[in-house]
């Protein structure tokens, strides 16, 4: 009998390997640098689920043009 290898749910859902420590560290550092240097130019969002013309994607970091947040009271 062959040894069965369990595939993590993350990998099944996203079709990519589970990120590791270094991946998370680099992702955070990139987001930090974008916020530090381009705070009022771009808004960085991490792990955002996108549907791009029927192609589902979850990029590590998305950049959007900066727009002030509207806070409702």
N, C-alpha and C. Protein backbone atom coordinates (compact mmCIF):
# COMPACT_ATOMS: atom_id res chain seq x y z
N UNK A 1 0.84 -1.19 0.00
CA UNK A 1 0.00 0.00 0.00
C UNK A 1 0.89 1.25 0.00
N UNK A 2 0.55 2.18 -0.86
CA UNK A 2 1.32 3.41 -0.94
C UNK A 2 0.91 4.37 0.17
N UNK A 3 1.86 5.20 0.59
CA UNK A 3 1.55 6.21 1.61
C UNK A 3 0.74 7.33 0.97
N UNK A 4 -0.39 7.65 1.58
CA UNK A 4 -1.24 8.74 1.10
C UNK A 4 -0.71 10.06 1.66
N UNK A 5 -0.65 11.07 0.82
CA UNK A 5 -0.21 12.39 1.24
C UNK A 5 -1.43 13.30 1.25
N UNK A 6 -1.72 13.88 2.41
CA UNK A 6 -2.87 14.77 2.54
C UNK A 6 -2.51 16.13 1.94
N UNK A 7 -3.37 16.61 1.08
CA UNK A 7 -3.17 17.92 0.48
C UNK A 7 -3.97 18.94 1.30
N UNK A 8 -3.30 19.99 1.80
CA UNK A 8 -4.01 20.99 2.61
C UNK A 8 -5.16 21.63 1.83
N UNK A 9 -6.23 21.97 2.52
CA UNK A 9 -7.41 22.59 1.91
C UNK A 9 -7.04 23.87 1.17
N UNK A 10 -6.10 24.64 1.72
CA UNK A 10 -5.63 25.87 1.08
C UNK A 10 -5.16 25.59 -0.34
N UNK A 11 -4.35 24.55 -0.52
CA UNK A 11 -3.81 24.21 -1.84
C UNK A 11 -4.90 23.73 -2.79
N UNK A 12 -5.87 23.01 -2.27
CA UNK A 12 -6.98 22.53 -3.10
C UNK A 12 -7.82 23.71 -3.59
N UNK A 13 -8.16 24.63 -2.68
CA UNK A 13 -9.02 25.77 -3.03
C UNK A 13 -8.34 26.74 -3.99
N UNK A 14 -7.05 26.99 -3.79
CA UNK A 14 -6.37 28.03 -4.56
C UNK A 14 -5.52 27.50 -5.70
N UNK A 15 -5.25 26.21 -5.70
CA UNK A 15 -4.44 25.64 -6.76
C UNK A 15 -2.99 26.06 -6.72
N UNK A 16 -2.50 26.39 -5.52
CA UNK A 16 -1.10 26.78 -5.36
C UNK A 16 -0.63 26.34 -3.98
N UNK A 17 0.68 26.22 -3.77
CA UNK A 17 1.19 25.77 -2.48
C UNK A 17 0.87 26.75 -1.35
N UNK A 18 0.79 26.22 -0.15
CA UNK A 18 0.58 27.05 1.03
C UNK A 18 1.81 27.93 1.24
N UNK A 19 1.61 29.24 1.41
CA UNK A 19 2.76 30.14 1.60
C UNK A 19 3.52 29.80 2.88
N UNK A 20 4.81 30.03 2.84
CA UNK A 20 5.65 29.79 4.00
C UNK A 20 6.04 31.07 4.70
N UNK A 21 6.91 30.94 5.68
CA UNK A 21 7.36 32.07 6.50
C UNK A 21 8.00 33.17 5.64
N UNK A 22 8.95 32.79 4.78
CA UNK A 22 9.64 33.79 3.95
C UNK A 22 8.67 34.49 3.00
N UNK A 23 7.75 33.74 2.43
CA UNK A 23 6.76 34.32 1.51
C UNK A 23 5.95 35.40 2.24
N UNK A 24 5.45 35.08 3.43
CA UNK A 24 4.67 36.04 4.21
C UNK A 24 5.48 37.26 4.60
N UNK A 25 6.75 37.05 4.94
CA UNK A 25 7.62 38.15 5.33
C UNK A 25 7.86 39.10 4.16
N UNK A 26 8.17 38.54 2.99
CA UNK A 26 8.40 39.36 1.80
C UNK A 26 7.12 40.11 1.40
N UNK A 27 5.99 39.42 1.44
CA UNK A 27 4.71 40.05 1.10
C UNK A 27 4.42 41.25 1.99
N UNK A 28 4.63 41.09 3.30
CA UNK A 28 4.41 42.19 4.23
C UNK A 28 5.38 43.34 3.98
N UNK A 29 6.65 43.02 3.73
CA UNK A 29 7.64 44.06 3.48
C UNK A 29 7.31 44.87 2.23
N UNK A 30 6.85 44.19 1.17
CA UNK A 30 6.46 44.91 -0.05
C UNK A 30 5.28 45.83 0.23
N UNK A 31 4.28 45.33 0.94
CA UNK A 31 3.12 46.16 1.29
C UNK A 31 3.52 47.36 2.14
N UNK A 32 4.43 47.14 3.08
CA UNK A 32 4.90 48.22 3.93
C UNK A 32 5.60 49.31 3.11
N UNK A 33 6.47 48.89 2.20
CA UNK A 33 7.20 49.86 1.37
C UNK A 33 6.25 50.65 0.47
N UNK A 34 5.25 49.99 -0.07
CA UNK A 34 4.26 50.69 -0.90
C UNK A 34 3.52 51.73 -0.06
N UNK A 35 3.09 51.34 1.13
CA UNK A 35 2.38 52.28 2.00
C UNK A 35 3.29 53.43 2.44
N UNK A 36 4.54 53.12 2.74
CA UNK A 36 5.48 54.13 3.20
C UNK A 36 5.77 55.18 2.12
N UNK A 37 5.99 54.73 0.88
CA UNK A 37 6.43 55.64 -0.17
C UNK A 37 5.31 56.14 -1.10
N UNK A 38 4.19 55.42 -1.14
CA UNK A 38 3.12 55.77 -2.08
C UNK A 38 1.76 55.86 -1.40
N UNK A 39 1.74 56.30 -0.14
CA UNK A 39 0.54 56.30 0.69
C UNK A 39 -0.66 56.97 0.02
N UNK A 40 -0.44 58.08 -0.66
CA UNK A 40 -1.55 58.80 -1.28
C UNK A 40 -1.55 58.64 -2.80
N UNK A 41 -0.88 57.62 -3.30
CA UNK A 41 -0.87 57.31 -4.73
C UNK A 41 -1.56 55.98 -4.99
N UNK A 42 -1.19 54.96 -4.19
CA UNK A 42 -1.74 53.62 -4.35
C UNK A 42 -2.25 53.09 -3.02
N UNK A 43 -3.22 52.23 -3.09
CA UNK A 43 -3.68 51.49 -1.91
C UNK A 43 -3.33 50.02 -2.14
N UNK A 44 -2.57 49.43 -1.24
CA UNK A 44 -2.17 48.02 -1.36
C UNK A 44 -3.14 47.16 -0.55
N UNK A 45 -3.60 46.08 -1.17
CA UNK A 45 -4.50 45.13 -0.51
C UNK A 45 -3.91 43.75 -0.70
N UNK A 46 -3.84 42.96 0.37
CA UNK A 46 -3.27 41.61 0.24
C UNK A 46 -4.37 40.55 0.21
N UNK A 47 -4.08 39.45 -0.52
CA UNK A 47 -4.93 38.27 -0.58
C UNK A 47 -6.39 38.60 -0.93
N UNK A 48 -6.58 39.43 -1.93
CA UNK A 48 -7.92 39.82 -2.37
C UNK A 48 -8.41 38.85 -3.43
N UNK A 49 -9.61 38.30 -3.26
CA UNK A 49 -10.19 37.39 -4.26
C UNK A 49 -10.72 38.20 -5.43
N UNK A 50 -10.22 37.90 -6.62
CA UNK A 50 -10.63 38.62 -7.82
C UNK A 50 -11.22 37.66 -8.84
N UNK A 51 -12.16 38.15 -9.62
CA UNK A 51 -12.70 37.39 -10.75
C UNK A 51 -12.40 38.22 -11.99
N UNK A 52 -11.36 37.83 -12.71
CA UNK A 52 -10.89 38.58 -13.86
C UNK A 52 -11.34 37.89 -15.14
N UNK A 53 -12.46 38.32 -15.69
CA UNK A 53 -13.01 37.70 -16.90
C UNK A 53 -13.10 36.18 -16.75
N UNK A 54 -13.79 35.75 -15.70
CA UNK A 54 -13.99 34.33 -15.39
C UNK A 54 -12.70 33.60 -15.01
N UNK A 55 -11.67 34.30 -14.65
CA UNK A 55 -10.44 33.71 -14.15
C UNK A 55 -10.30 34.13 -12.69
N UNK A 56 -10.54 33.18 -11.78
CA UNK A 56 -10.44 33.49 -10.36
C UNK A 56 -8.98 33.54 -9.95
N UNK A 57 -8.62 34.59 -9.22
CA UNK A 57 -7.23 34.79 -8.84
C UNK A 57 -7.18 35.39 -7.44
N UNK A 58 -6.14 35.04 -6.69
CA UNK A 58 -5.90 35.63 -5.37
C UNK A 58 -4.44 36.06 -5.32
N UNK A 59 -4.14 37.25 -5.87
CA UNK A 59 -2.75 37.72 -5.85
C UNK A 59 -2.29 38.06 -4.44
N UNK A 60 -1.00 37.98 -4.23
CA UNK A 60 -0.44 38.31 -2.92
C UNK A 60 -0.71 39.77 -2.56
N UNK A 61 -0.53 40.66 -3.52
CA UNK A 61 -0.75 42.08 -3.30
C UNK A 61 -1.41 42.69 -4.54
N UNK A 62 -2.46 43.47 -4.31
CA UNK A 62 -3.12 44.22 -5.38
C UNK A 62 -2.87 45.70 -5.14
N UNK A 63 -2.71 46.45 -6.20
CA UNK A 63 -2.57 47.91 -6.09
C UNK A 63 -3.77 48.57 -6.75
N UNK A 64 -4.34 49.50 -6.03
CA UNK A 64 -5.46 50.29 -6.54
C UNK A 64 -5.10 51.76 -6.41
N UNK A 65 -5.66 52.59 -7.28
CA UNK A 65 -5.44 54.02 -7.11
C UNK A 65 -5.96 54.46 -5.74
N UNK A 66 -5.27 55.37 -5.12
CA UNK A 66 -5.66 55.84 -3.79
C UNK A 66 -6.96 56.63 -3.87
N UNK A 67 -7.87 56.30 -2.98
CA UNK A 67 -9.10 57.07 -2.77
C UNK A 67 -9.33 57.11 -1.27
N UNK A 68 -9.65 58.28 -0.73
CA UNK A 68 -9.92 58.34 0.71
C UNK A 68 -11.11 57.45 1.08
N UNK A 69 -11.06 56.84 2.26
CA UNK A 69 -12.15 55.99 2.72
C UNK A 69 -13.30 56.87 3.19
N UNK A 70 -14.48 56.42 2.89
CA UNK A 70 -15.68 57.09 3.39
C UNK A 70 -16.16 56.31 4.60
N UNK A 71 -16.09 56.92 5.78
CA UNK A 71 -16.48 56.26 7.01
C UNK A 71 -17.90 56.68 7.37
N UNK A 72 -18.74 55.67 7.55
CA UNK A 72 -20.13 55.94 7.95
C UNK A 72 -20.25 55.88 9.45
N UNK A 73 -20.97 56.82 10.02
CA UNK A 73 -21.20 56.82 11.48
C UNK A 73 -22.51 56.15 11.81
